Amino acid sequence: MLWLVQTETIKTNMKTSIQTFTFAACALALAGVVRADDSVAGTWKTRFDSQIGQQRYTYVFKVDGTNVTGTATGEREMGTNTAVITEGKISNDEITFVEPLTFQDNELRIEYTGKVNGDQIQFHRKVGDVAEEDFVAHRVRQSSVTSGIKRAPTSDTNAPPAKP
């Protein structure tokens, strides 16, 4: 009889351990997704030299789980173009996506891989079979000043009156 009680206790302990492990694994997986969302969602800017001259880019990323969507706007001497990001993925601090681009009547597939580190993403991009570049994009933080709206100065109600 004692053996039967011990066996049931072992089974119960094992079941509890498996449930705890499963819960912990799910929590860690969810934490990775939340971290990814917090780390890349928003606006990022960069500037780099390429075979066609200086380029400035603005990336706007949106994150849904491990999927990344958004736009890539490139400014170069020949003009500005905006492309919708495709095949975007995020996993922990790694981001990948494709920028489809039409350049001089040619369809180009620009493949990005990046590593997120705080307010920077170290990118490597492959422009079809034509070129490759490495550069750093920086997060654009929203200013605490509202755009163009001037606020009236506020007075501290606990401050003594100004002396004349």
Protein backbone atom coordinates (compact mmCIF):
# COMPACT_ATOMS: atom_id res chain seq x y z
CA MET A 1 0.00 0.00 0.00
CA LEU A 2 2.86 2.40 0.84
CA TRP A 3 4.36 1.71 -2.59
CA LEU A 4 1.08 2.76 -4.27
CA VAL A 5 0.96 6.05 -2.33
CA GLN A 6 4.59 6.81 -3.21
CA THR A 7 3.92 6.08 -6.91
CA GLU A 8 0.92 8.44 -6.94
CA THR A 9 3.00 11.15 -5.21
CA ILE A 10 5.75 10.80 -7.84
CA LYS A 11 3.17 11.02 -10.65
CA THR A 12 1.64 14.16 -9.10
CA ASN A 13 5.06 15.79 -8.64
CA MET A 14 6.02 14.92 -12.21
CA LYS A 15 2.78 16.40 -13.58
CA THR A 16 3.31 19.60 -11.56
CA SER A 17 6.91 19.87 -12.80
CA ILE A 18 5.84 19.46 -16.44
CA GLN A 19 3.11 22.09 -16.05
CA THR A 20 5.57 24.52 -14.43
CA PHE A 21 8.13 23.94 -17.18
CA THR A 22 5.49 24.43 -19.91
CA PHE A 23 4.28 27.66 -18.31
CA ALA A 24 7.86 28.98 -18.01
CA ALA A 25 8.63 28.12 -21.65
CA CYS A 26 5.49 29.93 -22.85
CA ALA A 27 6.30 32.97 -20.70
CA LEU A 28 9.82 33.16 -22.14
CA ALA A 29 8.53 32.82 -25.69
CA LEU A 30 6.00 35.60 -25.11
CA ALA A 31 8.66 37.80 -23.53
CA GLY A 32 10.74 37.42 -26.71
CA VAL A 33 7.82 38.57 -28.85
CA VAL A 34 7.07 41.54 -26.60
CA ARG A 35 10.75 42.47 -26.58
CA ALA A 36 10.87 42.29 -30.38
CA ASP A 37 7.83 44.53 -30.69
CA ASP A 38 9.26 47.07 -28.28
CA SER A 39 12.65 47.01 -29.94
CA VAL A 40 11.79 47.71 -33.61
CA ALA A 41 8.30 49.15 -33.94
CA GLY A 42 8.54 52.80 -34.96
CA THR A 43 10.58 55.04 -37.25
CA TRP A 44 14.27 54.54 -38.05
CA LYS A 45 16.61 56.66 -40.22
CA THR A 46 19.97 56.12 -41.86
CA ARG A 47 22.33 57.57 -44.45
CA PHE A 48 24.99 55.66 -46.39
CA ASP A 49 27.10 55.75 -49.55
CA SER A 50 26.34 53.30 -52.34
CA GLN A 51 27.22 52.65 -55.98
CA ILE A 52 24.59 55.21 -56.99
CA GLY A 53 25.72 57.86 -54.49
CA GLN A 54 24.55 59.00 -51.09
CA GLN A 55 21.24 57.50 -49.97
CA ARG A 56 19.01 58.46 -47.06
CA TYR A 57 16.38 56.03 -45.84
CA THR A 58 13.46 56.20 -43.45
CA TYR A 59 11.99 52.88 -42.30
CA VAL A 60 8.65 52.69 -40.52
CA PHE A 61 8.17 49.30 -38.86
CA LYS A 62 5.02 47.77 -37.43
CA VAL A 63 5.23 44.49 -35.53
CA ASP A 64 2.54 41.86 -35.03
CA GLY A 65 3.98 38.91 -33.15
CA THR A 66 6.99 37.88 -35.23
CA ASN A 67 5.76 39.57 -38.43
CA VAL A 68 7.17 42.93 -39.50
CA THR A 69 5.39 45.23 -41.97
CA GLY A 70 5.83 48.86 -42.90
CA THR A 71 7.56 51.05 -45.46
CA ALA A 72 11.05 51.91 -46.65
CA THR A 73 11.46 55.39 -48.14
CA GLY A 74 14.70 56.03 -49.99
CA GLU A 75 15.96 59.46 -50.96
CA ARG A 76 18.72 59.72 -53.53
CA GLU A 77 19.95 62.21 -56.08
CA MET A 78 17.61 60.73 -58.72
CA GLY A 79 14.50 61.07 -56.56
CA THR A 80 12.52 59.56 -53.73
CA ASN A 81 10.65 56.27 -53.63
CA THR A 82 8.59 54.46 -51.03
CA ALA A 83 8.25 50.68 -51.00
CA VAL A 84 6.05 48.44 -48.88
CA ILE A 85 8.18 46.05 -46.84
CA THR A 86 7.54 42.35 -47.58
CA GLU A 87 8.60 39.07 -45.95
CA GLY A 88 9.35 40.87 -42.67
CA LYS A 89 10.24 38.76 -39.64
CA ILE A 90 11.63 39.45 -36.17
CA SER A 91 13.11 36.93 -33.77
CA ASN A 92 14.59 38.30 -30.55
CA ASP A 93 17.09 40.90 -31.80
CA GLU A 94 17.27 39.73 -35.45
CA ILE A 95 15.16 41.42 -38.17
CA THR A 96 14.82 40.44 -41.84
CA PHE A 97 12.72 41.91 -44.64
CA VAL A 98 12.64 42.63 -48.36
CA GLU A 99 12.27 45.99 -50.10
CA PRO A 100 10.96 45.47 -53.65
CA LEU A 101 12.29 48.31 -55.81
CA THR A 102 11.92 49.36 -59.43
CA PHE A 103 15.09 51.13 -60.55
CA GLN A 104 15.59 52.29 -64.16
CA ASP A 105 12.82 49.91 -65.34
CA ASN A 106 14.44 46.97 -63.51
CA GLU A 107 12.82 45.09 -60.66
CA LEU A 108 15.26 44.71 -57.77
CA ARG A 109 14.90 42.64 -54.63
CA ILE A 110 16.71 44.31 -51.74
CA GLU A 111 17.17 41.84 -48.88
CA TYR A 112 17.86 43.17 -45.39
CA THR A 113 19.20 41.41 -42.32
CA GLY A 114 19.73 43.35 -39.13
CA LYS A 115 20.64 43.07 -35.49
CA VAL A 116 18.78 45.35 -33.08
CA ASN A 117 20.77 46.90 -30.25
CA GLY A 118 18.77 49.48 -28.30
CA ASP A 119 18.17 52.50 -30.54
CA GLN A 120 20.34 51.14 -33.37
CA ILE A 121 19.99 48.43 -35.98
CA GLN A 122 23.18 47.18 -37.65
CA PHE A 123 21.96 46.33 -41.17
CA HIS A 124 23.41 44.37 -44.06
CA ARG A 125 21.52 44.73 -47.33
CA LYS A 126 21.92 42.88 -50.59
CA VAL A 127 20.69 44.73 -53.68
CA GLY A 128 19.91 41.90 -56.10
CA ASP A 129 23.19 40.65 -57.55
CA VAL A 130 24.44 44.22 -57.94
CA ALA A 131 25.70 45.48 -54.56
CA GLU A 132 25.86 44.96 -50.81
CA GLU A 133 26.06 47.56 -48.06
CA ASP A 134 26.46 47.62 -44.29
CA PHE A 135 25.10 50.55 -42.28
CA VAL A 136 23.47 51.53 -39.00
CA ALA A 137 19.90 52.85 -38.70
CA HIS A 138 18.93 54.96 -35.69
CA ARG A 139 15.56 55.13 -33.96
CA VAL A 140 13.68 58.43 -34.30
CA ARG A 141 12.36 59.35 -30.88
CA GLN A 142 9.17 61.39 -30.65
CA SER A 143 9.92 64.86 -29.33
CA SER A 144 8.24 65.92 -26.14
CA VAL A 145 7.46 69.22 -27.84
CA THR A 146 4.25 69.12 -29.81
CA SER A 147 4.59 70.12 -33.42
CA GLY A 148 4.37 73.87 -33.73
CA ILE A 149 1.99 74.39 -30.82
CA LYS A 150 3.22 76.92 -28.29
CA ARG A 151 1.94 76.46 -24.81
CA ALA A 152 1.35 79.30 -22.41
CA PRO A 153 3.81 79.28 -19.54
CA THR A 154 2.39 77.77 -16.40
CA SER A 155 3.04 79.17 -12.97
CA ASP A 156 3.73 77.13 -9.90
CA THR A 157 0.84 77.89 -7.53
CA ASN A 158 3.10 77.26 -4.54
CA ALA A 159 5.72 79.77 -5.64
CA PRO A 160 5.89 83.14 -3.88
CA PRO A 161 4.81 86.15 -5.92
CA ALA A 162 7.51 87.85 -7.93
CA LYS A 163 9.03 90.95 -6.37
CA PRO A 164 8.73 94.15 -8.38
